Protein backbone atom coordinates (compact mmCIF):
# COMPACT_ATOMS: atom_id res chain seq x y z
CA MET A 1 0.00 0.00 0.00
CA THR A 2 1.32 3.37 -0.96
CA THR A 3 1.02 6.13 1.55
CA GLY A 4 1.05 9.81 0.80
CA ALA A 5 3.98 11.98 1.68
CA ARG A 6 4.04 12.95 5.29
CA ARG A 7 3.28 16.56 5.76
CA GLY A 8 5.99 18.45 7.58
CA ARG A 9 5.31 20.83 10.41
CA PRO A 10 4.41 24.32 9.19
CA PRO A 11 7.18 26.89 9.53
CA ARG A 12 7.26 28.58 12.92
CA ILE A 13 6.74 32.30 12.72
CA ASP A 14 6.75 35.16 15.17
CA ARG A 15 6.89 38.94 14.99
CA ALA A 16 10.68 38.94 14.63
CA ARG A 17 10.53 36.63 11.59
CA ILE A 18 7.70 38.65 10.08
CA VAL A 19 9.73 41.86 10.41
CA GLU A 20 12.81 40.16 8.96
CA ALA A 21 10.84 38.97 5.93
CA ALA A 22 9.13 42.33 5.45
CA ARG A 23 12.47 44.18 5.50
CA ALA A 24 13.53 42.28 2.38
CA ILE A 25 10.45 43.36 0.42
CA ALA A 26 10.33 46.67 -1.45
CA PRO A 27 7.87 49.10 0.20
CA GLU A 28 5.68 49.28 -2.90
CA ASP A 29 5.41 45.47 -2.92
CA LEU A 30 4.83 45.03 0.81
CA THR A 31 1.59 43.11 1.30
CA MET A 32 0.39 40.43 3.68
CA GLN A 33 0.57 37.88 0.86
CA ALA A 34 4.12 38.87 -0.07
CA VAL A 35 5.28 38.40 3.52
CA ALA A 36 3.42 35.09 3.82
CA ASP A 37 5.05 33.86 0.60
CA ALA A 38 8.49 34.88 1.86
CA LEU A 39 7.91 32.94 5.07
CA GLY A 40 6.38 29.94 3.33
CA VAL A 41 3.14 30.13 5.28
CA ASP A 42 -0.50 30.76 4.53
CA ARG A 43 -1.55 34.39 4.70
CA SER A 44 -4.01 33.61 7.47
CA SER A 45 -1.08 32.58 9.68
CA LEU A 46 -0.03 36.23 9.88
CA ASN A 47 -3.38 37.37 11.23
CA TYR A 48 -2.58 36.32 14.80
CA TYR A 49 0.47 38.58 14.86
CA VAL A 50 -0.46 41.59 12.72
CA GLY A 51 -4.16 41.31 11.86
CA ASP A 52 -4.01 43.10 8.53
CA ARG A 53 -1.71 45.23 6.38
CA GLY A 54 -2.20 48.15 8.76
CA GLY A 55 -0.94 45.99 11.61
CA LEU A 56 1.98 44.88 9.46
CA LEU A 57 2.93 48.50 8.80
CA GLU A 58 2.66 49.30 12.52
CA LEU A 59 5.02 46.43 13.28
CA MET A 60 7.49 47.64 10.65
CA VAL A 61 7.37 51.23 11.87
CA ALA A 62 7.87 50.11 15.48
CA ASP A 63 10.92 48.09 14.42
CA LEU A 64 12.38 50.99 12.45
CA PHE A 65 11.63 53.39 15.28
CA ASP A 66 13.38 51.13 17.76
CA ALA A 67 16.43 51.08 15.49
CA GLU A 68 16.27 54.86 15.16
CA LEU A 69 16.43 55.25 18.95
CA ARG A 70 19.10 52.59 19.49
CA ASP A 71 21.95 55.06 19.93
CA PHE A 72 19.95 57.76 21.68
CA VAL A 73 20.88 58.24 25.34
CA LEU A 74 18.84 60.34 27.73
CA PRO A 75 20.92 62.64 29.93
CA ASP A 76 22.15 61.11 33.19
CA ASP A 77 21.64 62.97 36.47
CA ALA A 78 19.40 65.49 34.73
CA GLU A 79 16.23 67.11 36.01
CA TRP A 80 13.04 65.29 35.11
CA THR A 81 12.08 68.24 32.93
CA ASP A 82 15.23 67.81 30.83
CA VAL A 83 14.75 64.05 30.60
CA LEU A 84 11.13 64.41 29.51
CA ARG A 85 12.01 67.10 26.99
CA ALA A 86 14.81 64.98 25.53
CA TYR A 87 12.44 62.02 25.31
CA GLY A 88 9.81 64.05 23.49
CA LYS A 89 12.38 65.36 21.04
CA ALA A 90 13.69 61.84 20.43
CA LEU A 91 10.20 60.63 19.56
CA HIS A 92 9.57 63.63 17.33
CA ARG A 93 12.89 63.22 15.53
CA GLY A 94 12.34 59.49 15.07
CA VAL A 95 8.90 59.91 13.50
CA VAL A 96 10.12 62.73 11.24
CA HIS A 97 13.16 60.72 10.15
CA LEU A 98 11.07 57.66 9.34
CA GLN A 99 8.25 59.76 7.87
CA ALA A 100 5.90 57.50 9.83
CA THR A 101 2.70 59.47 9.33
CA ALA A 102 0.48 56.65 8.10
CA THR A 103 0.26 54.85 11.43
CA HIS A 104 0.73 55.61 15.08
CA VAL A 105 4.10 54.53 16.43
CA GLN A 106 3.88 51.94 19.18
CA LEU A 107 6.81 51.55 21.55
CA ARG A 108 7.46 47.84 21.73
CA GLY A 109 11.17 47.38 20.92
CA THR A 110 13.85 46.91 23.56
CA HIS A 111 15.53 50.26 22.96
CA SER A 112 12.41 52.41 22.84
CA LEU A 113 11.03 50.66 25.94
CA ALA A 114 14.32 51.27 27.75
CA LEU A 115 13.96 54.99 27.05
CA ALA A 116 10.41 54.97 28.37
CA GLU A 117 11.58 53.16 31.51
CA ARG A 118 14.31 55.76 32.02
CA VAL A 119 11.75 58.57 31.79
CA LEU A 120 9.45 56.81 34.28
CA GLU A 121 12.33 56.44 36.72
CA SER A 122 13.04 60.16 36.46
CA LEU A 123 9.38 61.11 36.85
CA THR A 124 8.76 58.91 39.88
CA ALA A 125 11.99 60.10 41.51
CA ALA A 126 10.71 63.66 41.12
CA GLY A 127 7.46 62.83 42.93
CA PHE A 128 5.00 61.69 40.29
CA THR A 129 3.22 58.39 40.82
CA VAL A 130 3.76 55.50 38.43
CA ALA A 131 0.21 55.99 37.13
CA GLU A 132 0.87 59.68 36.52
CA GLY A 133 4.12 58.76 34.79
CA GLY A 134 2.20 56.54 32.39
CA HIS A 135 -0.21 59.35 31.58
CA ILE A 136 2.71 61.73 31.05
CA LEU A 137 4.42 59.33 28.65
CA SER A 138 1.21 59.02 26.63
CA LEU A 139 0.71 62.78 26.62
CA VAL A 140 4.24 63.62 25.45
CA SER A 141 4.19 60.81 22.89
CA GLY A 142 0.94 62.17 21.48
CA VAL A 143 2.30 65.71 21.30
CA ALA A 144 5.49 64.52 19.57
CA TYR A 145 3.66 62.31 17.09
CA THR A 146 1.03 64.91 16.19
CA ALA A 147 3.64 67.63 15.68
CA ALA A 148 5.76 65.34 13.51
CA ARG A 149 2.74 64.30 11.45
CA ASP A 150 1.76 67.93 10.91
CA LEU A 151 5.32 68.82 9.95
CA LEU A 152 5.57 65.99 7.43
CA GLY A 153 2.13 65.77 5.93
CA GLY A 154 0.16 68.79 6.97
CA ASP A 155 1.48 71.52 4.68
CA GLN A 156 -1.26 71.15 2.10
CA SER A 157 -3.98 70.82 4.73
CA ARG A 158 -2.70 73.83 6.68
CA SER A 159 -2.41 75.86 3.48
CA HIS A 160 -6.03 75.09 2.56
CA HIS A 161 -7.26 75.92 6.05
CA THR A 162 -5.24 79.14 6.20
CA SER A 163 -6.48 80.28 2.81
CA GLU A 164 -10.09 79.68 3.86
CA VAL A 165 -9.62 81.64 7.08
CA THR A 166 -7.84 84.40 5.19
CA ARG A 167 -10.74 84.62 2.75
CA VAL A 168 -13.28 84.95 5.58
CA LEU A 169 -11.17 87.52 7.42
CA GLY A 170 -10.71 89.50 4.23
CA ALA A 171 -14.46 89.70 3.73
CA ALA A 172 -15.07 90.87 7.31
CA PRO A 173 -15.19 94.57 8.28
CA ALA A 174 -11.75 96.05 8.92
CA GLY A 175 -10.56 95.42 12.46
CA GLN A 176 -13.28 92.91 13.34
CA PHE A 177 -10.79 90.05 13.66
CA ALA A 178 -7.57 91.97 14.19
CA LEU A 179 -5.93 89.42 16.48
CA LEU A 180 -6.84 86.44 14.32
CA GLY A 181 -5.52 88.32 11.30
CA GLU A 182 -2.21 88.88 13.06
CA ILE A 183 -1.94 85.17 13.90
CA ILE A 184 -2.60 84.14 10.30
CA ALA A 185 -0.07 86.66 9.02
CA ASN A 186 2.60 85.48 11.46
CA ARG A 187 2.04 81.81 10.67
CA ALA A 188 2.24 82.51 6.96
CA VAL A 189 5.77 83.84 7.55
CA ALA A 190 7.04 81.56 10.33
CA GLY A 191 5.07 78.41 9.55
CA THR A 192 4.62 75.89 12.38
CA ALA A 193 8.23 74.96 13.07
CA ASP A 194 7.99 76.10 16.68
CA ASP A 195 4.62 74.46 17.42
CA PHE A 196 6.22 71.36 18.90
CA GLU A 197 8.58 73.30 21.17
CA PHE A 198 5.71 75.47 22.39
CA SER A 199 3.47 72.46 23.05
CA LEU A 200 6.25 70.68 24.92
CA ASP A 201 6.90 73.80 27.01
CA VAL A 202 3.22 74.05 27.94
CA VAL A 203 3.05 70.38 28.94
CA ILE A 204 6.20 70.53 31.07
CA ASP A 205 5.24 73.85 32.70
CA GLY A 206 1.83 72.43 33.58
CA LEU A 207 3.36 69.28 35.02
CA GLN A 208 5.75 71.38 37.10
CA LEU A 209 2.80 73.27 38.58
CA ARG A 210 1.06 69.99 39.35
CA LEU A 211 4.18 68.70 41.06
CA ASP A 212 4.58 71.94 43.04
CA ARG A 213 1.03 71.59 44.37
CA LYS A 214 1.94 68.19 45.74
CA GLY A 215 4.71 69.74 47.79
């Protein structure tokens, strides 16, 4: 009696292998099926790890972001304000460098998590609770990501919005919206390059006041 060929065990995959396979695929060709083919597995096998192409892109961005932060060192023996500011700038710079505007960056790599841990240590040493530290990390991450996204992909959107506001202000009686007109004029010249620094200053100043009230 002839028996069929024994089926071998399916290839073992994990997030690390998925990232490794995806790195070798050109960005324009990066699909779930392409990664599955490279790994020798069925496309459905990837669903547990990444869900869909959006999840695959998130995983890739997180890996690239972790590599971007690998050599970044937060200042030792610095005030928590300096540590938090440096952390926010590192996130902002990483997103801008990777042009990661299509998906939100999730900190899951060893290096990026080590930075987050360092910030938490500094915050808790200053008097914040661990829970507050978690909220602060989320807040600063959101500010950094939003500012980077606006810097990279928001020029056209901002230009359209500004032109619409300018049109409305121009049709209004002279002096009716003097302050808004000044803001629009200033932003047309300076752009939004300092938005991130201002937002970070406001966050840190507010946190300092909160900490002072504890004392």
